[in-house]
Amino acid sequence: MTKSFAFFWALALLFLTTTVSYAQKADQHKYWLGVGLGKSQYHSGMIALGYEFVNKPTLLIARYTDNRELNSKNAPGIIAQEFALMYGIRTGKFRFSTGVSNVWGINRGTYLGPIDEPVLYGEHLYKSVRYSTVGLPAEVRFITSTKDVGIGLTAFGNLNAKRSFVGLNLSLYVGKMK
């Protein structure tokens, strides 16, 4: 009984005098929101939300892209919009990703005739053709940043059945970058 009692108190004294400590993780979750402007076949705008996993070189990206013809002498103007979900890898300041997307927009259909005076203005009216399709998006991002703000260049594209496109955007990023 005395041995059990002494063992119990030695164990209790050990627990009371030692502290349990946890090391902080060297890596933390990274996430960012990027807004950019650029050029594809037409003018382009992009909004992207990214999440980079802890202790892994992988990332998830949700991207909205709007490519449209501005100041066209033809109506309707061509539009290609996209919402993409992508998975990729991070290596240094580069991010490579691909996934699946929904692409929708407006194409020109059959020619309907001139708008106003065709000789002076050269404006033409076409039938508006709306479309929606599934696409294969891909991108390469280069991001340089401080802890909370960054700037980057994105080469992006989408392969689909209706209106495939490629482009380049300059983007501003905010979030937990490092």
C-alpha atoms as a PDB file:
ATOM      1  CA  MET A   1       0.000   0.000   0.000  1.00  0.00           C
ATOM      2  CA  THR A   2       2.867   2.360   0.843  1.00  0.00           C
ATOM      3  CA  LYS A   3       4.482   1.647  -2.514  1.00  0.00           C
ATOM      4  CA  SER A   4       1.211   2.431  -4.327  1.00  0.00           C
ATOM      5  CA  PHE A   5       0.781   5.608  -2.296  1.00  0.00           C
ATOM      6  CA  ALA A   6       4.358   6.749  -3.046  1.00  0.00           C
ATOM      7  CA  PHE A   7       3.934   5.901  -6.749  1.00  0.00           C
ATOM      8  CA  PHE A   8       0.655   7.855  -6.908  1.00  0.00           C
ATOM      9  CA  TRP A   9       2.234  10.968  -5.321  1.00  0.00           C
ATOM     10  CA  ALA A  10       5.334  10.740  -7.525  1.00  0.00           C
ATOM     11  CA  LEU A  11       3.124  10.549 -10.595  1.00  0.00           C
ATOM     12  CA  ALA A  12       0.954  13.456  -9.356  1.00  0.00           C
ATOM     13  CA  LEU A  13       4.060  15.544  -8.630  1.00  0.00           C
ATOM     14  CA  LEU A  14       5.395  14.776 -12.114  1.00  0.00           C
ATOM     15  CA  PHE A  15       2.144  15.932 -13.756  1.00  0.00           C
ATOM     16  CA  LEU A  16       1.974  19.099 -11.657  1.00  0.00           C
ATOM     17  CA  THR A  17       5.551  20.196 -12.273  1.00  0.00           C
ATOM     18  CA  THR A  18       5.772  19.505 -15.996  1.00  0.00           C
ATOM     19  CA  THR A  19       3.989  21.605 -18.557  1.00  0.00           C
ATOM     20  CA  VAL A  20       2.646  20.458 -21.845  1.00  0.00           C
ATOM     21  CA  SER A  21       3.578  22.757 -24.680  1.00  0.00           C
ATOM     22  CA  TYR A  22       2.749  22.739 -28.344  1.00  0.00           C
ATOM     23  CA  ALA A  23       4.944  24.183 -31.041  1.00  0.00           C
ATOM     24  CA  GLN A  24       3.341  26.625 -33.411  1.00  0.00           C
ATOM     25  CA  LYS A  25       2.979  25.445 -36.953  1.00  0.00           C
ATOM     26  CA  ALA A  26       5.615  26.899 -39.208  1.00  0.00           C
ATOM     27  CA  ASP A  27       3.207  26.854 -42.139  1.00  0.00           C
ATOM     28  CA  GLN A  28      -0.270  28.273 -42.022  1.00  0.00           C
ATOM     29  CA  HIS A  29      -3.250  28.232 -44.332  1.00  0.00           C
ATOM     30  CA  LYS A  30      -2.948  30.776 -47.131  1.00  0.00           C
ATOM     31  CA  TYR A  31      -5.860  32.345 -48.945  1.00  0.00           C
ATOM     32  CA  TRP A  32      -6.255  35.273 -51.282  1.00  0.00           C
ATOM     33  CA  LEU A  33      -8.654  37.232 -53.429  1.00  0.00           C
ATOM     34  CA  GLY A  34      -7.347  38.466 -56.762  1.00  0.00           C
ATOM     35  CA  VAL A  35      -8.867  41.068 -59.088  1.00  0.00           C
ATOM     36  CA  GLY A  36      -7.340  41.638 -62.489  1.00  0.00           C
ATOM     37  CA  LEU A  37      -7.675  43.232 -65.901  1.00  0.00           C
ATOM     38  CA  GLY A  38      -6.104  42.115 -69.109  1.00  0.00           C
ATOM     39  CA  LYS A  39      -6.495  40.931 -72.643  1.00  0.00           C
ATOM     40  CA  SER A  40      -7.708  37.767 -74.274  1.00  0.00           C
ATOM     41  CA  GLN A  41      -9.131  37.814 -77.780  1.00  0.00           C
ATOM     42  CA  TYR A  42     -11.178  40.676 -76.314  1.00  0.00           C
ATOM     43  CA  HIS A  43     -10.871  42.780 -73.152  1.00  0.00           C
ATOM     44  CA  SER A  44     -10.835  40.685 -70.017  1.00  0.00           C
ATOM     45  CA  GLY A  45     -11.598  40.993 -66.319  1.00  0.00           C
ATOM     46  CA  MET A  46     -11.030  38.324 -63.696  1.00  0.00           C
ATOM     47  CA  ILE A  47     -11.924  37.685 -60.054  1.00  0.00           C
ATOM     48  CA  ALA A  48     -10.287  34.697 -58.372  1.00  0.00           C
ATOM     49  CA  LEU A  49     -10.443  33.249 -54.872  1.00  0.00           C
ATOM     50  CA  GLY A  50      -7.635  30.882 -53.871  1.00  0.00           C
ATOM     51  CA  TYR A  51      -6.967  28.609 -50.905  1.00  0.00           C
ATOM     52  CA  GLU A  52      -3.561  27.007 -50.355  1.00  0.00           C
ATOM     53  CA  PHE A  53      -3.326  24.009 -48.032  1.00  0.00           C
ATOM     54  CA  VAL A  54      -1.025  23.783 -44.995  1.00  0.00           C
ATOM     55  CA  ASN A  55       2.128  21.691 -45.470  1.00  0.00           C
ATOM     56  CA  LYS A  56       1.080  20.723 -48.992  1.00  0.00           C
ATOM     57  CA  PRO A  57       1.937  22.322 -52.313  1.00  0.00           C
ATOM     58  CA  THR A  58      -1.702  22.072 -53.487  1.00  0.00           C
ATOM     59  CA  LEU A  59      -4.374  24.725 -53.888  1.00  0.00           C
ATOM     60  CA  LEU A  60      -8.005  25.285 -54.848  1.00  0.00           C
ATOM     61  CA  ILE A  61      -9.137  28.218 -56.999  1.00  0.00           C
ATOM     62  CA  ALA A  62     -12.582  29.548 -57.878  1.00  0.00           C
ATOM     63  CA  ARG A  63     -12.370  31.914 -60.859  1.00  0.00           C
ATOM     64  CA  TYR A  64     -14.819  34.180 -62.680  1.00  0.00           C
ATOM     65  CA  THR A  65     -13.687  35.553 -66.029  1.00  0.00           C
ATOM     66  CA  ASP A  66     -15.467  38.053 -68.271  1.00  0.00           C
ATOM     67  CA  ASN A  67     -14.162  38.494 -71.825  1.00  0.00           C
ATOM     68  CA  ARG A  68     -16.067  40.900 -74.059  1.00  0.00           C
ATOM     69  CA  GLU A  69     -15.812  42.958 -77.163  1.00  0.00           C
ATOM     70  CA  LEU A  70     -15.837  46.695 -76.385  1.00  0.00           C
ATOM     71  CA  ASN A  71     -16.457  49.526 -78.872  1.00  0.00           C
ATOM     72  CA  SER A  72     -17.480  47.158 -81.644  1.00  0.00           C
ATOM     73  CA  LYS A  73     -19.111  48.358 -84.849  1.00  0.00           C
ATOM     74  CA  ASN A  74     -21.154  45.161 -84.839  1.00  0.00           C
ATOM     75  CA  ALA A  75     -24.127  44.367 -82.622  1.00  0.00           C
ATOM     76  CA  PRO A  76     -24.351  42.369 -80.493  1.00  0.00           C
ATOM     77  CA  GLY A  77     -20.848  42.450 -79.039  1.00  0.00           C
ATOM     78  CA  ILE A  78     -19.283  39.042 -78.444  1.00  0.00           C
ATOM     79  CA  ILE A  79     -19.201  37.959 -74.787  1.00  0.00           C
ATOM     80  CA  ALA A  80     -17.595  34.899 -73.147  1.00  0.00           C
ATOM     81  CA  GLN A  81     -18.005  34.518 -69.385  1.00  0.00           C
ATOM     82  CA  GLU A  82     -16.752  31.669 -67.249  1.00  0.00           C
ATOM     83  CA  PHE A  83     -16.988  30.286 -63.731  1.00  0.00           C
ATOM     84  CA  ALA A  84     -14.263  27.720 -63.027  1.00  0.00           C
ATOM     85  CA  LEU A  85     -13.294  25.471 -60.118  1.00  0.00           C
ATOM     86  CA  MET A  86      -9.671  24.393 -60.310  1.00  0.00           C
ATOM     87  CA  TYR A  87      -7.159  22.310 -58.399  1.00  0.00           C
ATOM     88  CA  GLY A  88      -3.430  22.812 -58.741  1.00  0.00           C
ATOM     89  CA  ILE A  89       0.055  22.927 -57.323  1.00  0.00           C
ATOM     90  CA  ARG A  90       2.223  25.725 -55.960  1.00  0.00           C
ATOM     91  CA  THR A  91       5.919  25.845 -56.619  1.00  0.00           C
ATOM     92  CA  GLY A  92       7.682  28.960 -55.371  1.00  0.00           C
ATOM     93  CA  LYS A  93       5.854  32.011 -56.695  1.00  0.00           C
ATOM     94  CA  PHE A  94       4.087  30.037 -59.447  1.00  0.00           C
ATOM     95  CA  ARG A  95       0.701  28.334 -59.270  1.00  0.00           C
ATOM     96  CA  PHE A  96      -0.395  25.830 -61.950  1.00  0.00           C
ATOM     97  CA  SER A  97      -4.032  24.719 -61.986  1.00  0.00           C
ATOM     98  CA  THR A  98      -6.775  23.156 -64.084  1.00  0.00           C
ATOM     99  CA  GLY A  99     -10.307  21.948 -63.480  1.00  0.00           C
ATOM    100  CA  VAL A 100     -13.830  22.256 -64.843  1.00  0.00           C
ATOM    101  CA  SER A 101     -15.909  25.297 -65.783  1.00  0.00           C
ATOM    102  CA  ASN A 102     -19.205  26.581 -67.086  1.00  0.00           C
ATOM    103  CA  VAL A 103     -18.817  28.977 -70.024  1.00  0.00           C
ATOM    104  CA  TRP A 104     -21.674  31.128 -71.302  1.00  0.00           C
ATOM    105  CA  GLY A 105     -22.099  34.193 -73.465  1.00  0.00           C
ATOM    106  CA  ILE A 106     -23.292  35.705 -76.731  1.00  0.00           C
ATOM    107  CA  ASN A 107     -22.106  34.987 -80.272  1.00  0.00           C
ATOM    108  CA  ARG A 108     -23.196  36.598 -83.510  1.00  0.00           C
ATOM    109  CA  GLY A 109     -25.611  34.635 -85.658  1.00  0.00           C
ATOM    110  CA  THR A 110     -26.992  35.468 -89.090  1.00  0.00           C
ATOM    111  CA  TYR A 111     -26.485  38.921 -90.561  1.00  0.00           C
ATOM    112  CA  LEU A 112     -29.637  41.079 -90.250  1.00  0.00           C
ATOM    113  CA  GLY A 113     -28.471  44.260 -91.988  1.00  0.00           C
ATOM    114  CA  PRO A 114     -26.764  47.587 -91.463  1.00  0.00           C
ATOM    115  CA  ILE A 115     -27.380  49.935 -88.538  1.00  0.00           C
ATOM    116  CA  ASP A 116     -27.983  53.539 -89.681  1.00  0.00           C
ATOM    117  CA  GLU A 117     -25.848  54.505 -92.684  1.00  0.00           C
ATOM    118  CA  PRO A 118     -23.472  51.604 -93.552  1.00  0.00           C
ATOM    119  CA  VAL A 119     -21.094  53.699 -95.679  1.00  0.00           C
ATOM    120  CA  LEU A 120     -20.478  56.344 -93.012  1.00  0.00           C
ATOM    121  CA  TYR A 121     -20.515  54.254 -89.861  1.00  0.00           C
ATOM    122  CA  GLY A 122     -20.006  50.672 -91.003  1.00  0.00           C
ATOM    123  CA  GLU A 123     -22.164  49.275 -88.189  1.00  0.00           C
ATOM    124  CA  HIS A 124     -23.890  45.937 -88.703  1.00  0.00           C
ATOM    125  CA  LEU A 125     -26.630  44.068 -86.860  1.00  0.00           C
ATOM    126  CA  TYR A 126     -26.504  40.301 -86.339  1.00  0.00           C
ATOM    127  CA  LYS A 127     -28.843  37.845 -84.672  1.00  0.00           C
ATOM    128  CA  SER A 128     -27.874  37.309 -81.030  1.00  0.00           C
ATOM    129  CA  VAL A 129     -27.007  33.686 -80.244  1.00  0.00           C
ATOM    130  CA  ARG A 130     -26.753  32.778 -76.553  1.00  0.00           C
ATOM    131  CA  TYR A 131     -24.783  29.705 -75.495  1.00  0.00           C
ATOM    132  CA  SER A 132     -23.728  27.750 -72.440  1.00  0.00           C
ATOM    133  CA  THR A 133     -21.229  24.889 -72.339  1.00  0.00           C
ATOM    134  CA  VAL A 134     -18.769  22.988 -70.153  1.00  0.00           C
ATOM    135  CA  GLY A 135     -15.105  23.859 -70.498  1.00  0.00           C
ATOM    136  CA  LEU A 136     -11.622  22.846 -69.425  1.00  0.00           C
ATOM    137  CA  PRO A 137      -9.937  25.849 -67.742  1.00  0.00           C
ATOM    138  CA  ALA A 138      -6.214  26.135 -67.068  1.00  0.00           C
ATOM    139  CA  GLU A 139      -3.956  28.836 -65.723  1.00  0.00           C
ATOM    140  CA  VAL A 140      -0.452  29.716 -64.622  1.00  0.00           C
ATOM    141  CA  ARG A 141      -0.185  32.425 -61.952  1.00  0.00           C
ATOM    142  CA  PHE A 142       2.950  34.276 -60.893  1.00  0.00           C
ATOM    143  CA  ILE A 143       2.406  36.070 -57.569  1.00  0.00           C
ATOM    144  CA  THR A 144       4.872  38.188 -55.627  1.00  0.00           C
ATOM    145  CA  SER A 145       3.623  39.519 -52.315  1.00  0.00           C
ATOM    146  CA  THR A 146       4.100  40.845 -48.842  1.00  0.00           C
ATOM    147  CA  LYS A 147       2.210  39.233 -45.967  1.00  0.00           C
ATOM    148  CA  ASP A 148      -1.201  40.669 -46.936  1.00  0.00           C
ATOM    149  CA  VAL A 149      -0.942  42.227 -50.422  1.00  0.00           C
ATOM    150  CA  GLY A 150       0.467  41.007 -53.708  1.00  0.00           C
ATOM    151  CA  ILE A 151       0.647  41.600 -57.417  1.00  0.00           C
ATOM    152  CA  GLY A 152       0.742  38.976 -60.108  1.00  0.00           C
ATOM    153  CA  LEU A 153       0.438  37.971 -63.707  1.00  0.00           C
ATOM    154  CA  THR A 154      -1.975  35.252 -64.828  1.00  0.00           C
ATOM    155  CA  ALA A 155      -1.871  33.369 -68.121  1.00  0.00           C
ATOM    156  CA  PHE A 156      -5.275  31.709 -68.459  1.00  0.00           C
ATOM    157  CA  GLY A 157      -7.378  29.827 -70.943  1.00  0.00           C
ATOM    158  CA  ASN A 158     -10.449  27.709 -71.471  1.00  0.00           C
ATOM    159  CA  LEU A 159     -10.964  24.943 -74.009  1.00  0.00           C
ATOM    160  CA  ASN A 160     -14.645  24.410 -74.832  1.00  0.00           C
ATOM    161  CA  ALA A 161     -17.026  23.632 -77.699  1.00  0.00           C
ATOM    162  CA  LYS A 162     -18.467  27.148 -78.211  1.00  0.00           C
ATOM    163  CA  ARG A 163     -15.817  29.851 -77.692  1.00  0.00           C
ATOM    164  CA  SER A 164     -12.370  28.808 -76.455  1.00  0.00           C
ATOM    165  CA  PHE A 165     -10.074  31.596 -75.278  1.00  0.00           C
ATOM    166  CA  VAL A 166      -6.639  32.369 -73.850  1.00  0.00           C
ATOM    167  CA  GLY A 167      -5.436  35.569 -72.226  1.00  0.00           C
ATOM    168  CA  LEU A 168      -3.137  37.408 -69.870  1.00  0.00           C
ATOM    169  CA  ASN A 169      -4.200  39.434 -66.797  1.00  0.00           C
ATOM    170  CA  LEU A 170      -2.397  41.678 -64.340  1.00  0.00           C
ATOM    171  CA  SER A 171      -3.946  41.158 -60.893  1.00  0.00           C
ATOM    172  CA  LEU A 172      -3.894  42.681 -57.415  1.00  0.00           C
ATOM    173  CA  TYR A 173      -4.158  40.226 -54.499  1.00  0.00           C
ATOM    174  CA  VAL A 174      -5.253  40.654 -50.880  1.00  0.00           C
ATOM    175  CA  GLY A 175      -5.415  38.005 -48.170  1.00  0.00           C
ATOM    176  CA  LYS A 176      -3.096  35.864 -46.113  1.00  0.00           C
ATOM    177  CA  MET A 177      -0.340  35.536 -48.663  1.00  0.00           C
ATOM    178  CA  LYS A 178       2.585  34.365 -46.467  1.00  0.00           C
END
